[in-house]
């Protein structure tokens, strides 16, 4: 899996992802930038890897796009991979964006 990190680690993180690590009422994230960059790289790569799977499920199962996204989300939080509920929700939204689907 290729992470979206540069050698200087200076790429911008999407505010929607940083928000996953910022508690309500707080201005700063609860985790280090390095940790958030690592998790972002993982989640962004995961969303991109799921594009073909989502398209295949839409065609195979002949169900609504929202149902495909819901099934993928359920699979993510089932515990087979190291991902939090908030990260899984972000991956679901990002996947919908990549596919041009409503989220």
PDB file of N, CA and C in Angstrom:
ATOM      1  N   UNK A   1       0.839  -1.166   0.000  1.00  0.00           N
ATOM      2  CA  UNK A   1       0.000   0.000   0.000  1.00  0.00           C
ATOM      3  C   UNK A   1       0.891   1.237   0.000  1.00  0.00           C
ATOM      4  N   UNK A   2       0.610   2.184  -0.864  1.00  0.00           N
ATOM      5  CA  UNK A   2       1.410   3.392  -0.977  1.00  0.00           C
ATOM      6  C   UNK A   2       0.761   4.494  -0.166  1.00  0.00           C
ATOM      7  N   UNK A   3       1.522   5.074   0.743  1.00  0.00           N
ATOM      8  CA  UNK A   3       1.012   6.177   1.529  1.00  0.00           C
ATOM      9  C   UNK A   3       1.224   7.479   0.784  1.00  0.00           C
ATOM     10  N   UNK A   4       0.383   8.444   1.033  1.00  0.00           N
ATOM     11  CA  UNK A   4       0.469   9.741   0.381  1.00  0.00           C
ATOM     12  C   UNK A   4       1.346  10.689   1.182  1.00  0.00           C
ATOM     13  N   UNK A   5       2.560  10.276   1.480  1.00  0.00           N
ATOM     14  CA  UNK A   5       3.459  11.098   2.262  1.00  0.00           C
ATOM     15  C   UNK A   5       4.636  11.523   1.401  1.00  0.00           C
ATOM     16  N   UNK A   6       5.073  12.724   1.613  1.00  0.00           N
ATOM     17  CA  UNK A   6       6.251  13.200   0.928  1.00  0.00           C
ATOM     18  C   UNK A   6       7.413  13.127   1.890  1.00  0.00           C
ATOM     19  N   UNK A   7       8.623  13.290   1.373  1.00  0.00           N
ATOM     20  CA  UNK A   7       9.788  13.201   2.244  1.00  0.00           C
ATOM     21  C   UNK A   7       9.789  14.266   3.321  1.00  0.00           C
ATOM     22  N   UNK A   8       9.258  15.456   3.013  1.00  0.00           N
ATOM     23  CA  UNK A   8       9.256  16.509   4.029  1.00  0.00           C
ATOM     24  C   UNK A   8       7.991  16.502   4.885  1.00  0.00           C
ATOM     25  N   UNK A   9       7.073  15.624   4.595  1.00  0.00           N
ATOM     26  CA  UNK A   9       5.841  15.450   5.379  1.00  0.00           C
ATOM     27  C   UNK A   9       5.027  16.739   5.468  1.00  0.00           C
ATOM     28  N   UNK A  10       5.081  17.577   4.431  1.00  0.00           N
ATOM     29  CA  UNK A  10       4.450  18.880   4.521  1.00  0.00           C
ATOM     30  C   UNK A  10       3.141  19.006   3.746  1.00  0.00           C
ATOM     31  N   UNK A  11       2.578  17.923   3.266  1.00  0.00           N
ATOM     32  CA  UNK A  11       1.330  18.042   2.525  1.00  0.00           C
ATOM     33  C   UNK A  11       0.184  18.406   3.470  1.00  0.00           C
ATOM     34  N   UNK A  12      -0.809  19.047   2.909  1.00  0.00           N
ATOM     35  CA  UNK A  12      -1.951  19.494   3.706  1.00  0.00           C
ATOM     36  C   UNK A  12      -2.887  18.323   3.977  1.00  0.00           C
ATOM     37  N   UNK A  13      -3.342  18.251   5.193  1.00  0.00           N
ATOM     38  CA  UNK A  13      -4.323  17.243   5.569  1.00  0.00           C
ATOM     39  C   UNK A  13      -5.718  17.839   5.429  1.00  0.00           C
ATOM     40  N   UNK A  14      -6.677  17.078   4.914  1.00  0.00           N
ATOM     41  CA  UNK A  14      -8.035  17.603   4.797  1.00  0.00           C
ATOM     42  C   UNK A  14      -8.603  17.924   6.188  1.00  0.00           C
ATOM     43  N   UNK A  15      -9.204  19.101   6.340  1.00  0.00           N
ATOM     44  CA  UNK A  15      -9.798  19.460   7.635  1.00  0.00           C
ATOM     45  C   UNK A  15     -10.809  18.422   8.123  1.00  0.00           C
ATOM     46  N   UNK A  16     -11.526  17.792   7.175  1.00  0.00           N
ATOM     47  CA  UNK A  16     -12.513  16.783   7.568  1.00  0.00           C
ATOM     48  C   UNK A  16     -11.852  15.589   8.244  1.00  0.00           C
ATOM     49  N   UNK A  17     -10.610  15.297   7.870  1.00  0.00           N
ATOM     50  CA  UNK A  17      -9.916  14.178   8.503  1.00  0.00           C
ATOM     51  C   UNK A  17      -9.307  14.597   9.832  1.00  0.00           C
ATOM     52  N   UNK A  18      -8.707  15.781   9.884  1.00  0.00           N
ATOM     53  CA  UNK A  18      -8.124  16.282  11.132  1.00  0.00           C
ATOM     54  C   UNK A  18      -9.214  16.382  12.199  1.00  0.00           C
ATOM     55  N   UNK A  19     -10.425  16.719  11.785  1.00  0.00           N
ATOM     56  CA  UNK A  19     -11.548  16.843  12.723  1.00  0.00           C
ATOM     57  C   UNK A  19     -11.824  15.538  13.468  1.00  0.00           C
ATOM     58  N   UNK A  20     -11.460  14.409  12.877  1.00  0.00           N
ATOM     59  CA  UNK A  20     -11.664  13.125  13.555  1.00  0.00           C
ATOM     60  C   UNK A  20     -10.836  13.028  14.827  1.00  0.00           C
ATOM     61  N   UNK A  21      -9.794  13.812  14.913  1.00  0.00           N
ATOM     62  CA  UNK A  21      -8.866  13.760  16.046  1.00  0.00           C
ATOM     63  C   UNK A  21      -8.930  15.020  16.910  1.00  0.00           C
ATOM     64  N   UNK A  22      -9.963  15.825  16.688  1.00  0.00           N
ATOM     65  CA  UNK A  22     -10.141  17.056  17.455  1.00  0.00           C
ATOM     66  C   UNK A  22     -11.440  16.956  18.239  1.00  0.00           C
ATOM     67  N   UNK A  23     -11.326  16.955  19.543  1.00  0.00           N
ATOM     68  CA  UNK A  23     -12.509  16.824  20.391  1.00  0.00           C
ATOM     69  C   UNK A  23     -13.324  18.105  20.366  1.00  0.00           C
ATOM     70  N   UNK A  24     -14.649  17.992  20.495  1.00  0.00           N
ATOM     71  CA  UNK A  24     -15.501  19.186  20.493  1.00  0.00           C
ATOM     72  C   UNK A  24     -15.028  20.196  21.542  1.00  0.00           C
ATOM     73  N   UNK A  25     -14.992  21.456  21.126  1.00  0.00           N
ATOM     74  CA  UNK A  25     -14.568  22.510  22.023  1.00  0.00           C
ATOM     75  C   UNK A  25     -13.063  22.717  22.094  1.00  0.00           C
ATOM     76  N   UNK A  26     -12.317  21.881  21.418  1.00  0.00           N
ATOM     77  CA  UNK A  26     -10.851  21.979  21.417  1.00  0.00           C
ATOM     78  C   UNK A  26     -10.385  22.504  20.057  1.00  0.00           C
ATOM     79  N   UNK A  27      -9.268  23.209  20.076  1.00  0.00           N
ATOM     80  CA  UNK A  27      -8.723  23.751  18.832  1.00  0.00           C
ATOM     81  C   UNK A  27      -7.647  22.859  18.236  1.00  0.00           C
ATOM     82  N   UNK A  28      -6.981  22.093  19.071  1.00  0.00           N
ATOM     83  CA  UNK A  28      -5.867  21.257  18.603  1.00  0.00           C
ATOM     84  C   UNK A  28      -6.268  19.781  18.614  1.00  0.00           C
ATOM     85  N   UNK A  29      -5.761  19.041  17.632  1.00  0.00           N
ATOM     86  CA  UNK A  29      -6.028  17.592  17.603  1.00  0.00           C
ATOM     87  C   UNK A  29      -5.400  16.887  18.809  1.00  0.00           C
ATOM     88  N   UNK A  30      -5.958  15.770  19.157  1.00  0.00           N
ATOM     89  CA  UNK A  30      -5.473  14.993  20.300  1.00  0.00           C
ATOM     90  C   UNK A  30      -4.291  14.095  19.941  1.00  0.00           C
ATOM     91  N   UNK A  31      -3.956  13.993  18.663  1.00  0.00           N
ATOM     92  CA  UNK A  31      -2.853  13.161  18.203  1.00  0.00           C
ATOM     93  C   UNK A  31      -1.825  14.028  17.472  1.00  0.00           C
ATOM     94  N   UNK A  32      -0.628  13.495  17.323  1.00  0.00           N
ATOM     95  CA  UNK A  32       0.433  14.220  16.623  1.00  0.00           C
ATOM     96  C   UNK A  32       0.141  14.301  15.125  1.00  0.00           C
ATOM     97  N   UNK A  33       0.740  15.283  14.469  1.00  0.00           N
ATOM     98  CA  UNK A  33       0.589  15.430  13.023  1.00  0.00           C
ATOM     99  C   UNK A  33       1.086  14.181  12.305  1.00  0.00           C
ATOM    100  N   UNK A  34       2.182  13.628  12.768  1.00  0.00           N
ATOM    101  CA  UNK A  34       2.722  12.411  12.150  1.00  0.00           C
ATOM    102  C   UNK A  34       1.715  11.263  12.218  1.00  0.00           C
ATOM    103  N   UNK A  35       1.086  11.092  13.387  1.00  0.00           N
ATOM    104  CA  UNK A  35       0.079  10.030  13.547  1.00  0.00           C
ATOM    105  C   UNK A  35      -1.097  10.273  12.613  1.00  0.00           C
ATOM    106  N   UNK A  36      -1.584  11.519  12.574  1.00  0.00           N
ATOM    107  CA  UNK A  36      -2.735  11.841  11.728  1.00  0.00           C
ATOM    108  C   UNK A  36      -2.378  11.650  10.255  1.00  0.00           C
ATOM    109  N   UNK A  37      -1.178  12.029   9.852  1.00  0.00           N
ATOM    110  CA  UNK A  37      -0.736  11.808   8.469  1.00  0.00           C
ATOM    111  C   UNK A  37      -0.717  10.321   8.128  1.00  0.00           C
ATOM    112  N   UNK A  38      -0.242   9.522   9.057  1.00  0.00           N
ATOM    113  CA  UNK A  38      -0.192   8.071   8.831  1.00  0.00           C
ATOM    114  C   UNK A  38      -1.605   7.513   8.662  1.00  0.00           C
ATOM    115  N   UNK A  39      -2.505   7.906   9.549  1.00  0.00           N
ATOM    116  CA  UNK A  39      -3.881   7.406   9.474  1.00  0.00           C
ATOM    117  C   UNK A  39      -4.575   7.917   8.210  1.00  0.00           C
ATOM    118  N   UNK A  40      -4.298   9.174   7.849  1.00  0.00           N
ATOM    119  CA  UNK A  40      -4.885   9.727   6.636  1.00  0.00           C
ATOM    120  C   UNK A  40      -4.411   8.940   5.409  1.00  0.00           C
ATOM    121  N   UNK A  41      -3.126   8.673   5.336  1.00  0.00           N
ATOM    122  CA  UNK A  41      -2.597   7.896   4.219  1.00  0.00           C
ATOM    123  C   UNK A  41      -3.269   6.542   4.110  1.00  0.00           C
ATOM    124  N   UNK A  42      -3.440   5.891   5.251  1.00  0.00           N
ATOM    125  CA  UNK A  42      -4.100   4.586   5.277  1.00  0.00           C
ATOM    126  C   UNK A  42      -5.547   4.698   4.788  1.00  0.00           C
ATOM    127  N   UNK A  43      -6.288   5.660   5.331  1.00  0.00           N
ATOM    128  CA  UNK A  43      -7.706   5.794   4.996  1.00  0.00           C
ATOM    129  C   UNK A  43      -7.915   6.246   3.551  1.00  0.00           C
ATOM    130  N   UNK A  44      -7.080   7.161   3.073  1.00  0.00           N
ATOM    131  CA  UNK A  44      -7.182   7.608   1.680  1.00  0.00           C
ATOM    132  C   UNK A  44      -6.880   6.450   0.732  1.00  0.00           C
ATOM    133  N   UNK A  45      -5.842   5.694   1.019  1.00  0.00           N
ATOM    134  CA  UNK A  45      -5.515   4.529   0.188  1.00  0.00           C
ATOM    135  C   UNK A  45      -6.640   3.507   0.220  1.00  0.00           C
ATOM    136  N   UNK A  46      -7.213   3.292   1.391  1.00  0.00           N
ATOM    137  CA  UNK A  46      -8.308   2.337   1.531  1.00  0.00           C
ATOM    138  C   UNK A  46      -9.503   2.765   0.690  1.00  0.00           C
ATOM    139  N   UNK A  47      -9.864   4.035   0.744  1.00  0.00           N
ATOM    140  CA  UNK A  47     -10.985   4.536  -0.060  1.00  0.00           C
ATOM    141  C   UNK A  47     -10.717   4.304  -1.549  1.00  0.00           C
ATOM    142  N   UNK A  48      -9.510   4.597  -1.990  1.00  0.00           N
ATOM    143  CA  UNK A  48      -9.166   4.394  -3.397  1.00  0.00           C
ATOM    144  C   UNK A  48      -9.198   2.926  -3.787  1.00  0.00           C
ATOM    145  N   UNK A  49      -8.753   2.061  -2.884  1.00  0.00           N
ATOM    146  CA  UNK A  49      -8.770   0.619  -3.168  1.00  0.00           C
ATOM    147  C   UNK A  49     -10.201   0.074  -3.255  1.00  0.00           C
ATOM    148  N   UNK A  50     -11.125   0.720  -2.564  1.00  0.00           N
ATOM    149  CA  UNK A  50     -12.506   0.229  -2.525  1.00  0.00           C
ATOM    150  C   UNK A  50     -13.358   0.690  -3.714  1.00  0.00           C
ATOM    151  N   UNK A  51     -12.830   1.563  -4.545  1.00  0.00           N
ATOM    152  CA  UNK A  51     -13.600   2.076  -5.683  1.00  0.00           C
ATOM    153  C   UNK A  51     -14.074   0.934  -6.588  1.00  0.00           C
ATOM    154  N   UNK A  52     -13.178   0.076  -7.003  1.00  0.00           N
ATOM    155  CA  UNK A  52     -13.561  -1.032  -7.892  1.00  0.00           C
ATOM    156  C   UNK A  52     -14.504  -2.002  -7.201  1.00  0.00           C
ATOM    157  N   UNK A  53     -14.276  -2.253  -5.920  1.00  0.00           N
ATOM    158  CA  UNK A  53     -15.159  -3.144  -5.164  1.00  0.00           C
ATOM    159  C   UNK A  53     -16.571  -2.580  -5.120  1.00  0.00           C
ATOM    160  N   UNK A  54     -16.688  -1.289  -4.854  1.00  0.00           N
ATOM    161  CA  UNK A  54     -18.012  -0.658  -4.777  1.00  0.00           C
ATOM    162  C   UNK A  54     -18.727  -0.723  -6.125  1.00  0.00           C
ATOM    163  N   UNK A  55     -18.011  -0.421  -7.177  1.00  0.00           N
ATOM    164  CA  UNK A  55     -18.625  -0.490  -8.513  1.00  0.00           C
ATOM    165  C   UNK A  55     -19.096  -1.910  -8.833  1.00  0.00           C
ATOM    166  N   UNK A  56     -18.259  -2.896  -8.472  1.00  0.00           N
ATOM    167  CA  UNK A  56     -18.619  -4.295  -8.737  1.00  0.00           C
ATOM    168  C   UNK A  56     -19.857  -4.700  -7.940  1.00  0.00           C
ATOM    169  N   UNK A  57     -19.911  -4.298  -6.674  1.00  0.00           N
ATOM    170  CA  UNK A  57     -21.069  -4.644  -5.840  1.00  0.00           C
ATOM    171  C   UNK A  57     -22.337  -3.982  -6.356  1.00  0.00           C
ATOM    172  N   UNK A  58     -22.231  -2.749  -6.823  1.00  0.00           N
ATOM    173  CA  UNK A  58     -23.397  -2.056  -7.375  1.00  0.00           C
ATOM    174  C   UNK A  58     -23.953  -2.834  -8.560  1.00  0.00           C
ATOM    175  N   UNK A  59     -23.068  -3.294  -9.429  1.00  0.00           N
ATOM    176  CA  UNK A  59     -23.488  -4.035 -10.615  1.00  0.00           C
ATOM    177  C   UNK A  59     -23.980  -5.440 -10.250  1.00  0.00           C
ATOM    178  N   UNK A  60     -23.216  -6.152  -9.394  1.00  0.00           N
ATOM    179  CA  UNK A  60     -23.564  -7.538  -9.037  1.00  0.00           C
ATOM    180  C   UNK A  60     -24.869  -7.642  -8.271  1.00  0.00           C
ATOM    181  N   UNK A  61     -25.051  -6.774  -7.288  1.00  0.00           N
ATOM    182  CA  UNK A  61     -26.199  -6.884  -6.396  1.00  0.00           C
ATOM    183  C   UNK A  61     -27.409  -6.081  -6.852  1.00  0.00           C
ATOM    184  N   UNK A  62     -27.186  -5.174  -7.808  1.00  0.00           N
ATOM    185  CA  UNK A  62     -28.280  -4.333  -8.304  1.00  0.00           C
ATOM    186  C   UNK A  62     -29.029  -3.652  -7.151  1.00  0.00           C
ATOM    187  N   UNK A  63     -28.256  -3.032  -6.268  1.00  0.00           N
ATOM    188  CA  UNK A  63     -28.825  -2.308  -5.133  1.00  0.00           C
ATOM    189  C   UNK A  63     -28.449  -0.832  -5.260  1.00  0.00           C
ATOM    190  N   UNK A  64     -29.033  -0.019  -4.414  1.00  0.00           N
ATOM    191  CA  UNK A  64     -28.761   1.423  -4.450  1.00  0.00           C
ATOM    192  C   UNK A  64     -27.322   1.709  -4.034  1.00  0.00           C
ATOM    193  N   UNK A  65     -26.794   2.815  -4.526  1.00  0.00           N
ATOM    194  CA  UNK A  65     -25.446   3.230  -4.165  1.00  0.00           C
ATOM    195  C   UNK A  65     -25.298   3.370  -2.653  1.00  0.00           C
ATOM    196  N   UNK A  66     -26.316   3.923  -2.010  1.00  0.00           N
ATOM    197  CA  UNK A  66     -26.267   4.095  -0.550  1.00  0.00           C
ATOM    198  C   UNK A  66     -26.176   2.755   0.169  1.00  0.00           C
ATOM    199  N   UNK A  67     -26.811   1.729  -0.390  1.00  0.00           N
ATOM    200  CA  UNK A  67     -26.732   0.398   0.211  1.00  0.00           C
ATOM    201  C   UNK A  67     -25.336  -0.203   0.039  1.00  0.00           C
ATOM    202  N   UNK A  68     -24.719   0.043  -1.101  1.00  0.00           N
ATOM    203  CA  UNK A  68     -23.339  -0.417  -1.313  1.00  0.00           C
ATOM    204  C   UNK A  68     -22.431   0.233  -0.278  1.00  0.00           C
ATOM    205  N   UNK A  69     -22.561   1.548  -0.116  1.00  0.00           N
ATOM    206  CA  UNK A  69     -21.738   2.265   0.860  1.00  0.00           C
ATOM    207  C   UNK A  69     -21.982   1.763   2.273  1.00  0.00           C
ATOM    208  N   UNK A  70     -23.232   1.487   2.606  1.00  0.00           N
ATOM    209  CA  UNK A  70     -23.566   0.978   3.946  1.00  0.00           C
ATOM    210  C   UNK A  70     -22.933  -0.389   4.175  1.00  0.00           C
ATOM    211  N   UNK A  71     -22.972  -1.241   3.180  1.00  0.00           N
ATOM    212  CA  UNK A  71     -22.365  -2.574   3.321  1.00  0.00           C
ATOM    213  C   UNK A  71     -20.847  -2.476   3.484  1.00  0.00           C
ATOM    214  N   UNK A  72     -20.230  -1.605   2.714  1.00  0.00           N
ATOM    215  CA  UNK A  72     -18.783  -1.431   2.835  1.00  0.00           C
ATOM    216  C   UNK A  72     -18.439  -0.885   4.205  1.00  0.00           C
ATOM    217  N   UNK A  73     -19.211   0.090   4.672  1.00  0.00           N
ATOM    218  CA  UNK A  73     -18.982   0.651   6.009  1.00  0.00           C
ATOM    219  C   UNK A  73     -19.106  -0.436   7.074  1.00  0.00           C
ATOM    220  N   UNK A  74     -20.121  -1.260   6.970  1.00  0.00           N
ATOM    221  CA  UNK A  74     -20.313  -2.350   7.933  1.00  0.00           C
ATOM    222  C   UNK A  74     -19.113  -3.300   7.915  1.00  0.00           C
ATOM    223  N   UNK A  75     -18.607  -3.581   6.742  1.00  0.00           N
ATOM    224  CA  UNK A  75     -17.431  -4.439   6.638  1.00  0.00           C
ATOM    225  C   UNK A  75     -16.199  -3.811   7.271  1.00  0.00           C
ATOM    226  N   UNK A  76     -16.062  -2.507   7.116  1.00  0.00           N
ATOM    227  CA  UNK A  76     -14.913  -1.820   7.699  1.00  0.00           C
ATOM    228  C   UNK A  76     -14.926  -1.876   9.227  1.00  0.00           C
ATOM    229  N   UNK A  77     -16.091  -1.700   9.812  1.00  0.00           N
ATOM    230  CA  UNK A  77     -16.164  -1.659  11.275  1.00  0.00           C
ATOM    231  C   UNK A  77     -16.312  -3.050  11.901  1.00  0.00           C
ATOM    232  N   UNK A  78     -16.372  -4.077  11.079  1.00  0.00           N
ATOM    233  CA  UNK A  78     -16.537  -5.446  11.592  1.00  0.00           C
ATOM    234  C   UNK A  78     -15.315  -5.942  12.354  1.00  0.00           C
ATOM    235  N   UNK A  79     -14.198  -5.240  12.246  1.00  0.00           N
ATOM    236  CA  UNK A  79     -13.038  -5.596  13.043  1.00  0.00           C
ATOM    237  C   UNK A  79     -11.922  -6.327  12.335  1.00  0.00           C
ATOM    238  N   UNK A  80     -12.044  -6.533  11.031  1.00  0.00           N
ATOM    239  CA  UNK A  80     -11.003  -7.263  10.308  1.00  0.00           C
ATOM    240  C   UNK A  80      -9.759  -6.406  10.071  1.00  0.00           C
ATOM    241  N   UNK A  81      -9.936  -5.083  10.064  1.00  0.00           N
ATOM    242  CA  UNK A  81      -8.794  -4.189   9.886  1.00  0.00           C
ATOM    243  C   UNK A  81      -8.770  -3.186  11.033  1.00  0.00           C
ATOM    244  N   UNK A  82      -7.628  -2.557  11.209  1.00  0.00           N
ATOM    245  CA  UNK A  82      -7.440  -1.585  12.286  1.00  0.00           C
ATOM    246  C   UNK A  82      -7.951  -0.220  11.847  1.00  0.00           C
ATOM    247  N   UNK A  83      -9.229   0.035  12.120  1.00  0.00           N
ATOM    248  CA  UNK A  83      -9.846   1.300  11.737  1.00  0.00           C
ATOM    249  C   UNK A  83     -10.908   1.647  12.768  1.00  0.00           C
ATOM    250  N   UNK A  84     -10.985   2.926  13.114  1.00  0.00           N
ATOM    251  CA  UNK A  84     -11.993   3.354  14.083  1.00  0.00           C
ATOM    252  C   UNK A  84     -13.320   3.598  13.372  1.00  0.00           C
ATOM    253  N   UNK A  85     -14.370   3.713  14.137  1.00  0.00           N
ATOM    254  CA  UNK A  85     -15.694   4.018  13.585  1.00  0.00           C
ATOM    255  C   UNK A  85     -15.662   5.350  12.834  1.00  0.00           C
ATOM    256  N   UNK A  86     -15.009   6.352  13.408  1.00  0.00           N
ATOM    257  CA  UNK A  86     -14.927   7.670  12.770  1.00  0.00           C
ATOM    258  C   UNK A  86     -14.125   7.610  11.468  1.00  0.00           C
ATOM    259  N   UNK A  87     -13.040   6.865  11.473  1.00  0.00           N
ATOM    260  CA  UNK A  87     -12.255   6.711  10.247  1.00  0.00           C
ATOM    261  C   UNK A  87     -13.061   5.975   9.179  1.00  0.00           C
ATOM    262  N   UNK A  88     -13.806   4.940   9.585  1.00  0.00           N
ATOM    263  CA  UNK A  88     -14.625   4.192   8.634  1.00  0.00           C
ATOM    264  C   UNK A  88     -15.686   5.091   8.003  1.00  0.00           C
ATOM    265  N   UNK A  89     -16.275   5.965   8.807  1.00  0.00           N
ATOM    266  CA  UNK A  89     -17.270   6.907   8.273  1.00  0.00           C
ATOM    267  C   UNK A  89     -16.609   7.862   7.281  1.00  0.00           C
ATOM    268  N   UNK A  90     -15.385   8.304   7.589  1.00  0.00           N
ATOM    269  CA  UNK A  90     -14.661   9.184   6.680  1.00  0.00           C
ATOM    270  C   UNK A  90     -14.342   8.444   5.382  1.00  0.00           C
ATOM    271  N   UNK A  91     -13.912   7.202   5.460  1.00  0.00           N
ATOM    272  CA  UNK A  91     -13.617   6.398   4.264  1.00  0.00           C
ATOM    273  C   UNK A  91     -14.885   6.255   3.425  1.00  0.00           C
ATOM    274  N   UNK A  92     -16.008   6.040   4.068  1.00  0.00           N
ATOM    275  CA  UNK A  92     -17.278   5.913   3.348  1.00  0.00           C
ATOM    276  C   UNK A  92     -17.585   7.202   2.588  1.00  0.00           C
ATOM    277  N   UNK A  93     -17.437   8.344   3.245  1.00  0.00           N
ATOM    278  CA  UNK A  93     -17.688   9.624   2.575  1.00  0.00           C
ATOM    279  C   UNK A  93     -16.698   9.855   1.430  1.00  0.00           C
ATOM    280  N   UNK A  94     -15.445   9.541   1.677  1.00  0.00           N
ATOM    281  CA  UNK A  94     -14.416   9.726   0.645  1.00  0.00           C
ATOM    282  C   UNK A  94     -14.672   8.810  -0.546  1.00  0.00           C
ATOM    283  N   UNK A  95     -15.065   7.591  -0.278  1.00  0.00           N
ATOM    284  CA  UNK A  95     -15.389   6.649  -1.351  1.00  0.00           C
ATOM    285  C   UNK A  95     -16.538   7.187  -2.192  1.00  0.00           C
ATOM    286  N   UNK A  96     -17.563   7.712  -1.534  1.00  0.00           N
ATOM    287  CA  UNK A  96     -18.693   8.297  -2.267  1.00  0.00           C
ATOM    288  C   UNK A  96     -18.209   9.452  -3.146  1.00  0.00           C
ATOM    289  N   UNK A  97     -17.316  10.279  -2.622  1.00  0.00           N
ATOM    290  CA  UNK A  97     -16.767  11.389  -3.411  1.00  0.00           C
ATOM    291  C   UNK A  97     -16.023  10.867  -4.635  1.00  0.00           C
ATOM    292  N   UNK A  98     -15.181   9.867  -4.428  1.00  0.00           N
ATOM    293  CA  UNK A  98     -14.399   9.309  -5.533  1.00  0.00           C
ATOM    294  C   UNK A  98     -15.283   8.727  -6.623  1.00  0.00           C
ATOM    295  N   UNK A  99     -16.426   8.169  -6.217  1.00  0.00           N
ATOM    296  CA  UNK A  99     -17.334   7.549  -7.168  1.00  0.00           C
ATOM    297  C   UNK A  99     -18.349   8.535  -7.756  1.00  0.00           C
ATOM    298  N   UNK A 100     -18.456   9.717  -7.152  1.00  0.00           N
ATOM    299  CA  UNK A 100     -19.455  10.675  -7.588  1.00  0.00           C
ATOM    300  C   UNK A 100     -20.839  10.309  -7.115  1.00  0.00           C
ATOM    301  N   UNK A 101     -20.917   9.576  -6.010  1.00  0.00           N
ATOM    302  CA  UNK A 101     -22.184   9.145  -5.432  1.00  0.00           C
ATOM    303  C   UNK A 101     -22.574  10.069  -4.274  1.00  0.00           C
ATOM    304  N   UNK A 102     -23.859  10.095  -3.977  1.00  0.00           N
ATOM    305  CA  UNK A 102     -24.344  10.825  -2.797  1.00  0.00           C
ATOM    306  C   UNK A 102     -23.825  10.145  -1.541  1.00  0.00           C
ATOM    307  N   UNK A 103     -23.523  10.940  -0.547  1.00  0.00           N
ATOM    308  CA  UNK A 103     -23.094  10.347   0.725  1.00  0.00           C
ATOM    309  C   UNK A 103     -23.898  10.957   1.838  1.00  0.00           C
TER     310      UNK A 103
END
